[in-house]
Amino acid sequence: MTIIEVPPVTQNVIAALADLADCVCNELANSGGGETCWCGLYPGALVSWDYCGECNGGRCGMGYVRLAEVFPYSVFPQQELDLRATYPLA
């Protein structure tokens, strides 16, 4: 078995994405849009549209959060090369 260690900065990005997905899903359910068939994190540039139609129990549609880009910066929004991982991420 191969064990892949995830750097702490990556863990922070994943945690932020998970929190954002929770927020999106809650807002969709509570803001009049109604509960979705599926809501959460989705990898890649293109999302699957499998859950955009009618689902069981009157639920309809989907919500998702994906990471489009992340980079270190010293002066936002200019990307910085940071081999020591000392700059914040945008």
PDB file of N, CA and C in Angstrom:
ATOM      1  N   MET A   1       0.842  -1.169   0.000  1.00  0.00           N
ATOM      2  CA  MET A   1       0.000   0.000   0.000  1.00  0.00           C
ATOM      3  C   MET A   1       0.894   1.241   0.000  1.00  0.00           C
ATOM      4  N   THR A   2       0.526   2.216  -0.805  1.00  0.00           N
ATOM      5  CA  THR A   2       1.247   3.477  -0.883  1.00  0.00           C
ATOM      6  C   THR A   2       0.541   4.507  -0.008  1.00  0.00           C
ATOM      7  N   ILE A   3       1.304   5.178   0.821  1.00  0.00           N
ATOM      8  CA  ILE A   3       0.756   6.237   1.665  1.00  0.00           C
ATOM      9  C   ILE A   3       1.214   7.571   1.103  1.00  0.00           C
ATOM     10  N   ILE A   4       0.265   8.426   0.818  1.00  0.00           N
ATOM     11  CA  ILE A   4       0.563   9.753   0.287  1.00  0.00           C
ATOM     12  C   ILE A   4       0.341  10.760   1.402  1.00  0.00           C
ATOM     13  N   GLU A   5       1.382  11.495   1.746  1.00  0.00           N
ATOM     14  CA  GLU A   5       1.260  12.522   2.772  1.00  0.00           C
ATOM     15  C   GLU A   5       0.793  13.820   2.123  1.00  0.00           C
ATOM     16  N   VAL A   6      -0.208  14.415   2.700  1.00  0.00           N
ATOM     17  CA  VAL A   6      -0.753  15.669   2.198  1.00  0.00           C
ATOM     18  C   VAL A   6      -0.148  16.805   3.011  1.00  0.00           C
ATOM     19  N   PRO A   7       0.534  17.755   2.352  1.00  0.00           N
ATOM     20  CA  PRO A   7       1.137  18.878   3.076  1.00  0.00           C
ATOM     21  C   PRO A   7       0.081  19.681   3.832  1.00  0.00           C
ATOM     22  N   PRO A   8       0.446  20.294   4.963  1.00  0.00           N
ATOM     23  CA  PRO A   8      -0.519  21.071   5.752  1.00  0.00           C
ATOM     24  C   PRO A   8      -1.233  22.153   4.947  1.00  0.00           C
ATOM     25  N   VAL A   9      -0.522  22.829   4.042  1.00  0.00           N
ATOM     26  CA  VAL A   9      -1.171  23.880   3.253  1.00  0.00           C
ATOM     27  C   VAL A   9      -2.272  23.286   2.378  1.00  0.00           C
ATOM     28  N   THR A  10      -2.063  22.087   1.851  1.00  0.00           N
ATOM     29  CA  THR A  10      -3.085  21.415   1.054  1.00  0.00           C
ATOM     30  C   THR A  10      -4.259  21.008   1.930  1.00  0.00           C
ATOM     31  N   GLN A  11      -3.976  20.567   3.142  1.00  0.00           N
ATOM     32  CA  GLN A  11      -5.041  20.215   4.077  1.00  0.00           C
ATOM     33  C   GLN A  11      -5.907  21.441   4.370  1.00  0.00           C
ATOM     34  N   ASN A  12      -5.290  22.610   4.487  1.00  0.00           N
ATOM     35  CA  ASN A  12      -6.052  23.843   4.733  1.00  0.00           C
ATOM     36  C   ASN A  12      -6.964  24.176   3.557  1.00  0.00           C
ATOM     37  N   VAL A  13      -6.466  24.004   2.341  1.00  0.00           N
ATOM     38  CA  VAL A  13      -7.272  24.280   1.147  1.00  0.00           C
ATOM     39  C   VAL A  13      -8.441  23.303   1.076  1.00  0.00           C
ATOM     40  N   ILE A  14      -8.191  22.030   1.332  1.00  0.00           N
ATOM     41  CA  ILE A  14      -9.259  21.025   1.303  1.00  0.00           C
ATOM     42  C   ILE A  14     -10.309  21.332   2.363  1.00  0.00           C
ATOM     43  N   ALA A  15      -9.874  21.700   3.554  1.00  0.00           N
ATOM     44  CA  ALA A  15     -10.820  22.042   4.627  1.00  0.00           C
ATOM     45  C   ALA A  15     -11.656  23.263   4.254  1.00  0.00           C
ATOM     46  N   ALA A  16     -11.037  24.265   3.641  1.00  0.00           N
ATOM     47  CA  ALA A  16     -11.774  25.461   3.219  1.00  0.00           C
ATOM     48  C   ALA A  16     -12.791  25.119   2.140  1.00  0.00           C
ATOM     49  N   LEU A  17     -12.422  24.254   1.204  1.00  0.00           N
ATOM     50  CA  LEU A  17     -13.358  23.833   0.158  1.00  0.00           C
ATOM     51  C   LEU A  17     -14.533  23.065   0.754  1.00  0.00           C
ATOM     52  N   ALA A  18     -14.260  22.192   1.710  1.00  0.00           N
ATOM     53  CA  ALA A  18     -15.331  21.421   2.354  1.00  0.00           C
ATOM     54  C   ALA A  18     -16.277  22.362   3.104  1.00  0.00           C
ATOM     55  N   ASP A  19     -15.731  23.359   3.808  1.00  0.00           N
ATOM     56  CA  ASP A  19     -16.565  24.339   4.500  1.00  0.00           C
ATOM     57  C   ASP A  19     -17.406  25.139   3.513  1.00  0.00           C
ATOM     58  N   LEU A  20     -16.806  25.540   2.398  1.00  0.00           N
ATOM     59  CA  LEU A  20     -17.533  26.285   1.376  1.00  0.00           C
ATOM     60  C   LEU A  20     -18.655  25.439   0.775  1.00  0.00           C
ATOM     61  N   ALA A  21     -18.374  24.172   0.515  1.00  0.00           N
ATOM     62  CA  ALA A  21     -19.406  23.273  -0.024  1.00  0.00           C
ATOM     63  C   ALA A  21     -20.569  23.141   0.959  1.00  0.00           C
ATOM     64  N   ASP A  22     -20.270  22.994   2.249  1.00  0.00           N
ATOM     65  CA  ASP A  22     -21.334  22.927   3.261  1.00  0.00           C
ATOM     66  C   ASP A  22     -22.183  24.191   3.239  1.00  0.00           C
ATOM     67  N   CYS A  23     -21.516  25.333   3.127  1.00  0.00           N
ATOM     68  CA  CYS A  23     -22.223  26.610   3.089  1.00  0.00           C
ATOM     69  C   CYS A  23     -23.131  26.695   1.856  1.00  0.00           C
ATOM     70  N   VAL A  24     -22.599  26.325   0.697  1.00  0.00           N
ATOM     71  CA  VAL A  24     -23.384  26.362  -0.547  1.00  0.00           C
ATOM     72  C   VAL A  24     -24.607  25.455  -0.434  1.00  0.00           C
ATOM     73  N   CYS A  25     -24.403  24.244   0.051  1.00  0.00           N
ATOM     74  CA  CYS A  25     -25.508  23.288   0.166  1.00  0.00           C
ATOM     75  C   CYS A  25     -26.577  23.795   1.129  1.00  0.00           C
ATOM     76  N   ASN A  26     -26.162  24.356   2.265  1.00  0.00           N
ATOM     77  CA  ASN A  26     -27.123  24.907   3.229  1.00  0.00           C
ATOM     78  C   ASN A  26     -27.879  26.086   2.655  1.00  0.00           C
ATOM     79  N   GLU A  27     -27.179  26.974   1.967  1.00  0.00           N
ATOM     80  CA  GLU A  27     -27.835  28.145   1.380  1.00  0.00           C
ATOM     81  C   GLU A  27     -28.829  27.750   0.293  1.00  0.00           C
ATOM     82  N   LEU A  28     -28.464  26.761  -0.521  1.00  0.00           N
ATOM     83  CA  LEU A  28     -29.403  26.302  -1.548  1.00  0.00           C
ATOM     84  C   LEU A  28     -30.671  25.747  -0.914  1.00  0.00           C
ATOM     85  N   ALA A  29     -30.504  24.979   0.153  1.00  0.00           N
ATOM     86  CA  ALA A  29     -31.658  24.368   0.819  1.00  0.00           C
ATOM     87  C   ALA A  29     -32.508  25.399   1.558  1.00  0.00           C
ATOM     88  N   ASN A  30     -31.866  26.443   2.094  1.00  0.00           N
ATOM     89  CA  ASN A  30     -32.580  27.394   2.958  1.00  0.00           C
ATOM     90  C   ASN A  30     -32.995  28.691   2.284  1.00  0.00           C
ATOM     91  N   SER A  31     -32.568  28.936   1.062  1.00  0.00           N
ATOM     92  CA  SER A  31     -32.855  30.228   0.434  1.00  0.00           C
ATOM     93  C   SER A  31     -33.976  30.164  -0.597  1.00  0.00           C
ATOM     94  N   GLY A  32     -34.737  29.104  -0.580  1.00  0.00           N
ATOM     95  CA  GLY A  32     -35.856  28.997  -1.505  1.00  0.00           C
ATOM     96  C   GLY A  32     -35.558  28.137  -2.710  1.00  0.00           C
ATOM     97  N   GLY A  33     -34.314  27.766  -2.906  1.00  0.00           N
ATOM     98  CA  GLY A  33     -33.963  26.893  -4.022  1.00  0.00           C
ATOM     99  C   GLY A  33     -34.384  25.454  -3.781  1.00  0.00           C
ATOM    100  N   GLY A  34     -34.510  25.100  -2.537  1.00  0.00           N
ATOM    101  CA  GLY A  34     -34.915  23.751  -2.178  1.00  0.00           C
ATOM    102  C   GLY A  34     -33.728  22.816  -2.069  1.00  0.00           C
ATOM    103  N   GLU A  35     -33.986  21.674  -1.452  1.00  0.00           N
ATOM    104  CA  GLU A  35     -32.941  20.679  -1.273  1.00  0.00           C
ATOM    105  C   GLU A  35     -32.536  20.095  -2.625  1.00  0.00           C
ATOM    106  N   THR A  36     -31.251  19.931  -2.824  1.00  0.00           N
ATOM    107  CA  THR A  36     -30.742  19.397  -4.088  1.00  0.00           C
ATOM    108  C   THR A  36     -30.675  17.876  -4.052  1.00  0.00           C
ATOM    109  N   CYS A  37     -30.561  17.268  -5.228  1.00  0.00           N
ATOM    110  CA  CYS A  37     -30.344  15.823  -5.319  1.00  0.00           C
ATOM    111  C   CYS A  37     -28.923  15.477  -4.891  1.00  0.00           C
ATOM    112  N   TRP A  38     -27.993  16.354  -5.215  1.00  0.00           N
ATOM    113  CA  TRP A  38     -26.593  16.157  -4.864  1.00  0.00           C
ATOM    114  C   TRP A  38     -25.939  17.512  -4.653  1.00  0.00           C
ATOM    115  N   CYS A  39     -25.084  17.593  -3.640  1.00  0.00           N
ATOM    116  CA  CYS A  39     -24.369  18.836  -3.380  1.00  0.00           C
ATOM    117  C   CYS A  39     -23.058  18.492  -2.679  1.00  0.00           C
ATOM    118  N   GLY A  40     -21.945  19.086  -3.130  1.00  0.00           N
ATOM    119  CA  GLY A  40     -20.669  18.823  -2.489  1.00  0.00           C
ATOM    120  C   GLY A  40     -19.494  19.266  -3.335  1.00  0.00           C
ATOM    121  N   LEU A  41     -18.322  18.700  -3.025  1.00  0.00           N
ATOM    122  CA  LEU A  41     -17.099  18.982  -3.781  1.00  0.00           C
ATOM    123  C   LEU A  41     -17.080  18.156  -5.048  1.00  0.00           C
ATOM    124  N   TYR A  42     -16.588  18.750  -6.122  1.00  0.00           N
ATOM    125  CA  TYR A  42     -16.479  18.018  -7.378  1.00  0.00           C
ATOM    126  C   TYR A  42     -15.105  18.298  -7.981  1.00  0.00           C
ATOM    127  N   PRO A  43     -14.363  17.253  -8.327  1.00  0.00           N
ATOM    128  CA  PRO A  43     -13.019  17.467  -8.886  1.00  0.00           C
ATOM    129  C   PRO A  43     -13.065  17.794 -10.379  1.00  0.00           C
ATOM    130  N   GLY A  44     -12.055  18.467 -10.859  1.00  0.00           N
ATOM    131  CA  GLY A  44     -11.912  18.707 -12.295  1.00  0.00           C
ATOM    132  C   GLY A  44     -12.537  20.001 -12.758  1.00  0.00           C
ATOM    133  N   ALA A  45     -12.328  20.296 -14.018  1.00  0.00           N
ATOM    134  CA  ALA A  45     -12.804  21.548 -14.601  1.00  0.00           C
ATOM    135  C   ALA A  45     -14.278  21.495 -14.990  1.00  0.00           C
ATOM    136  N   LEU A  46     -14.772  20.323 -15.330  1.00  0.00           N
ATOM    137  CA  LEU A  46     -16.161  20.181 -15.768  1.00  0.00           C
ATOM    138  C   LEU A  46     -16.917  19.297 -14.799  1.00  0.00           C
ATOM    139  N   VAL A  47     -18.101  19.738 -14.428  1.00  0.00           N
ATOM    140  CA  VAL A  47     -18.925  18.971 -13.501  1.00  0.00           C
ATOM    141  C   VAL A  47     -19.870  18.069 -14.285  1.00  0.00           C
ATOM    142  N   SER A  48     -20.188  16.920 -13.727  1.00  0.00           N
ATOM    143  CA  SER A  48     -21.158  16.018 -14.329  1.00  0.00           C
ATOM    144  C   SER A  48     -22.552  16.590 -14.098  1.00  0.00           C
ATOM    145  N   TRP A  49     -23.379  16.598 -15.105  1.00  0.00           N
ATOM    146  CA  TRP A  49     -24.727  17.156 -14.996  1.00  0.00           C
ATOM    147  C   TRP A  49     -25.768  16.072 -14.723  1.00  0.00           C
ATOM    148  N   ASP A  50     -25.345  14.955 -14.166  1.00  0.00           N
ATOM    149  CA  ASP A  50     -26.232  13.818 -13.926  1.00  0.00           C
ATOM    150  C   ASP A  50     -27.407  14.133 -13.008  1.00  0.00           C
ATOM    151  N   TYR A  51     -27.257  15.078 -12.092  1.00  0.00           N
ATOM    152  CA  TYR A  51     -28.297  15.330 -11.089  1.00  0.00           C
ATOM    153  C   TYR A  51     -29.016  16.660 -11.290  1.00  0.00           C
ATOM    154  N   CYS A  52     -29.104  17.125 -12.513  1.00  0.00           N
ATOM    155  CA  CYS A  52     -29.743  18.415 -12.758  1.00  0.00           C
ATOM    156  C   CYS A  52     -31.230  18.324 -13.039  1.00  0.00           C
ATOM    157  N   GLY A  53     -31.751  17.142 -13.195  1.00  0.00           N
ATOM    158  CA  GLY A  53     -33.182  16.981 -13.456  1.00  0.00           C
ATOM    159  C   GLY A  53     -33.945  16.735 -12.173  1.00  0.00           C
ATOM    160  N   GLU A  54     -35.136  16.183 -12.303  1.00  0.00           N
ATOM    161  CA  GLU A  54     -35.948  15.852 -11.145  1.00  0.00           C
ATOM    162  C   GLU A  54     -35.412  14.605 -10.465  1.00  0.00           C
ATOM    163  N   CYS A  55     -35.371  14.630  -9.149  1.00  0.00           N
ATOM    164  CA  CYS A  55     -34.938  13.478  -8.357  1.00  0.00           C
ATOM    165  C   CYS A  55     -36.094  13.033  -7.473  1.00  0.00           C
ATOM    166  N   ASN A  56     -35.866  12.061  -6.658  1.00  0.00           N
ATOM    167  CA  ASN A  56     -36.903  11.537  -5.770  1.00  0.00           C
ATOM    168  C   ASN A  56     -37.306  12.546  -4.707  1.00  0.00           C
ATOM    169  N   GLY A  57     -38.541  12.482  -4.278  1.00  0.00           N
ATOM    170  CA  GLY A  57     -39.020  13.287  -3.161  1.00  0.00           C
ATOM    171  C   GLY A  57     -39.108  14.773  -3.430  1.00  0.00           C
ATOM    172  N   GLY A  58     -39.259  15.181  -4.662  1.00  0.00           N
ATOM    173  CA  GLY A  58     -39.397  16.594  -4.986  1.00  0.00           C
ATOM    174  C   GLY A  58     -38.098  17.373  -4.991  1.00  0.00           C
ATOM    175  N   ARG A  59     -36.987  16.684  -4.762  1.00  0.00           N
ATOM    176  CA  ARG A  59     -35.696  17.362  -4.813  1.00  0.00           C
ATOM    177  C   ARG A  59     -35.290  17.532  -6.274  1.00  0.00           C
ATOM    178  N   CYS A  60     -34.621  18.620  -6.558  1.00  0.00           N
ATOM    179  CA  CYS A  60     -34.255  18.900  -7.941  1.00  0.00           C
ATOM    180  C   CYS A  60     -32.916  19.623  -7.986  1.00  0.00           C
ATOM    181  N   GLY A  61     -32.110  19.303  -8.975  1.00  0.00           N
ATOM    182  CA  GLY A  61     -30.881  20.032  -9.212  1.00  0.00           C
ATOM    183  C   GLY A  61     -29.723  19.591  -8.348  1.00  0.00           C
ATOM    184  N   MET A  62     -28.640  20.331  -8.478  1.00  0.00           N
ATOM    185  CA  MET A  62     -27.427  20.015  -7.742  1.00  0.00           C
ATOM    186  C   MET A  62     -26.656  21.292  -7.460  1.00  0.00           C
ATOM    187  N   GLY A  63     -25.749  21.207  -6.512  1.00  0.00           N
ATOM    188  CA  GLY A  63     -24.838  22.300  -6.206  1.00  0.00           C
ATOM    189  C   GLY A  63     -23.455  21.715  -6.043  1.00  0.00           C
ATOM    190  N   TYR A  64     -22.452  22.487  -6.398  1.00  0.00           N
ATOM    191  CA  TYR A  64     -21.093  21.969  -6.255  1.00  0.00           C
ATOM    192  C   TYR A  64     -20.097  23.105  -6.062  1.00  0.00           C
ATOM    193  N   VAL A  65     -18.958  22.741  -5.504  1.00  0.00           N
ATOM    194  CA  VAL A  65     -17.816  23.626  -5.330  1.00  0.00           C
ATOM    195  C   VAL A  65     -16.622  22.904  -5.935  1.00  0.00           C
ATOM    196  N   ARG A  66     -15.821  23.617  -6.705  1.00  0.00           N
ATOM    197  CA  ARG A  66     -14.605  23.030  -7.260  1.00  0.00           C
ATOM    198  C   ARG A  66     -13.481  24.043  -7.136  1.00  0.00           C
ATOM    199  N   LEU A  67     -12.278  23.543  -7.085  1.00  0.00           N
ATOM    200  CA  LEU A  67     -11.110  24.409  -7.032  1.00  0.00           C
ATOM    201  C   LEU A  67     -10.698  24.753  -8.455  1.00  0.00           C
ATOM    202  N   ALA A  68     -10.740  26.031  -8.795  1.00  0.00           N
ATOM    203  CA  ALA A  68     -10.348  26.459 -10.133  1.00  0.00           C
ATOM    204  C   ALA A  68      -8.860  26.799 -10.183  1.00  0.00           C
ATOM    205  N   GLU A  69      -8.358  27.435  -9.132  1.00  0.00           N
ATOM    206  CA  GLU A  69      -6.953  27.843  -9.128  1.00  0.00           C
ATOM    207  C   GLU A  69      -6.558  28.226  -7.706  1.00  0.00           C
ATOM    208  N   VAL A  70      -5.334  27.944  -7.350  1.00  0.00           N
ATOM    209  CA  VAL A  70      -4.775  28.388  -6.078  1.00  0.00           C
ATOM    210  C   VAL A  70      -3.299  28.704  -6.318  1.00  0.00           C
ATOM    211  N   PHE A  71      -2.835  29.790  -5.719  1.00  0.00           N
ATOM    212  CA  PHE A  71      -1.432  30.172  -5.911  1.00  0.00           C
ATOM    213  C   PHE A  71      -0.969  31.038  -4.741  1.00  0.00           C
ATOM    214  N   PRO A  72       0.352  31.022  -4.463  1.00  0.00           N
ATOM    215  CA  PRO A  72       0.891  31.904  -3.431  1.00  0.00           C
ATOM    216  C   PRO A  72       1.004  33.332  -3.972  1.00  0.00           C
ATOM    217  N   TYR A  73       0.918  34.304  -3.062  1.00  0.00           N
ATOM    218  CA  TYR A  73       1.050  35.700  -3.476  1.00  0.00           C
ATOM    219  C   TYR A  73       1.708  36.515  -2.372  1.00  0.00           C
ATOM    220  N   SER A  74       2.385  37.566  -2.758  1.00  0.00           N
ATOM    221  CA  SER A  74       2.875  38.535  -1.778  1.00  0.00           C
ATOM    222  C   SER A  74       2.093  39.836  -1.925  1.00  0.00           C
ATOM    223  N   VAL A  75       1.726  40.185  -3.177  1.00  0.00           N
ATOM    224  CA  VAL A  75       0.854  41.325  -3.458  1.00  0.00           C
ATOM    225  C   VAL A  75      -0.288  40.783  -4.321  1.00  0.00           C
ATOM    226  N   PHE A  76      -1.474  40.690  -3.725  1.00  0.00           N
ATOM    227  CA  PHE A  76      -2.621  40.135  -4.453  1.00  0.00           C
ATOM    228  C   PHE A  76      -3.015  41.062  -5.573  1.00  0.00           C
ATOM    229  N   PRO A  77      -3.330  40.584  -6.756  1.00  0.00           N
ATOM    230  CA  PRO A  77      -3.528  39.209  -7.210  1.00  0.00           C
ATOM    231  C   PRO A  77      -2.367  38.650  -8.021  1.00  0.00           C
ATOM    232  N   GLN A  78      -1.176  39.182  -7.817  1.00  0.00           N
ATOM    233  CA  GLN A  78      -0.036  38.712  -8.605  1.00  0.00           C
ATOM    234  C   GLN A  78       0.534  37.428  -8.014  1.00  0.00           C
ATOM    235  N   GLN A  79       0.604  36.404  -8.849  1.00  0.00           N
ATOM    236  CA  GLN A  79       1.123  35.117  -8.417  1.00  0.00           C
ATOM    237  C   GLN A  79       2.617  35.217  -8.128  1.00  0.00           C
ATOM    238  N   GLU A  80       3.054  34.542  -7.081  1.00  0.00           N
ATOM    239  CA  GLU A  80       4.445  34.579  -6.639  1.00  0.00           C
ATOM    240  C   GLU A  80       5.018  33.165  -6.690  1.00  0.00           C
ATOM    241  N   LEU A  81       6.268  33.028  -7.075  1.00  0.00           N
ATOM    242  CA  LEU A  81       6.951  31.739  -6.995  1.00  0.00           C
ATOM    243  C   LEU A  81       7.476  31.613  -5.571  1.00  0.00           C
ATOM    244  N   ASP A  82       7.041  30.590  -4.848  1.00  0.00           N
ATOM    245  CA  ASP A  82       7.376  30.459  -3.436  1.00  0.00           C
ATOM    246  C   ASP A  82       7.741  29.014  -3.132  1.00  0.00           C
ATOM    247  N   LEU A  83       8.990  28.691  -3.251  1.00  0.00           N
ATOM    248  CA  LEU A  83       9.443  27.310  -3.031  1.00  0.00           C
ATOM    249  C   LEU A  83       9.489  26.950  -1.560  1.00  0.00           C
ATOM    250  N   ARG A  84       9.463  27.931  -0.679  1.00  0.00           N
ATOM    251  CA  ARG A  84       9.529  27.667   0.767  1.00  0.00           C
ATOM    252  C   ARG A  84       8.153  27.635   1.422  1.00  0.00           C
ATOM    253  N   ALA A  85       7.102  27.881   0.659  1.00  0.00           N
ATOM    254  CA  ALA A  85       5.724  27.886   1.161  1.00  0.00           C
ATOM    255  C   ALA A  85       5.556  28.878   2.315  1.00  0.00           C
ATOM    256  N   THR A  86       6.027  30.097   2.106  1.00  0.00           N
ATOM    257  CA  THR A  86       5.927  31.119   3.145  1.00  0.00           C
ATOM    258  C   THR A  86       4.840  32.149   2.874  1.00  0.00           C
ATOM    259  N   TYR A  87       4.389  32.266   1.641  1.00  0.00           N
ATOM    260  CA  TYR A  87       3.359  33.246   1.291  1.00  0.00           C
ATOM    261  C   TYR A  87       1.975  32.665   1.489  1.00  0.00           C
ATOM    262  N   PRO A  88       0.982  33.548   1.727  1.00  0.00           N
ATOM    263  CA  PRO A  88      -0.394  33.059   1.812  1.00  0.00           C
ATOM    264  C   PRO A  88      -0.898  32.626   0.438  1.00  0.00           C
ATOM    265  N   LEU A  89      -1.984  31.873   0.437  1.00  0.00           N
ATOM    266  CA  LEU A  89      -2.570  31.391  -0.807  1.00  0.00           C
ATOM    267  C   LEU A  89      -3.769  32.223  -1.213  1.00  0.00           C
ATOM    268  N   ALA A  90      -3.920  32.439  -2.493  1.00  0.00           N
ATOM    269  CA  ALA A  90      -5.086  33.109  -3.054  1.00  0.00           C
ATOM    270  C   ALA A  90      -5.857  32.097  -3.867  1.00  0.00           C
TER     271      ALA A  90
END
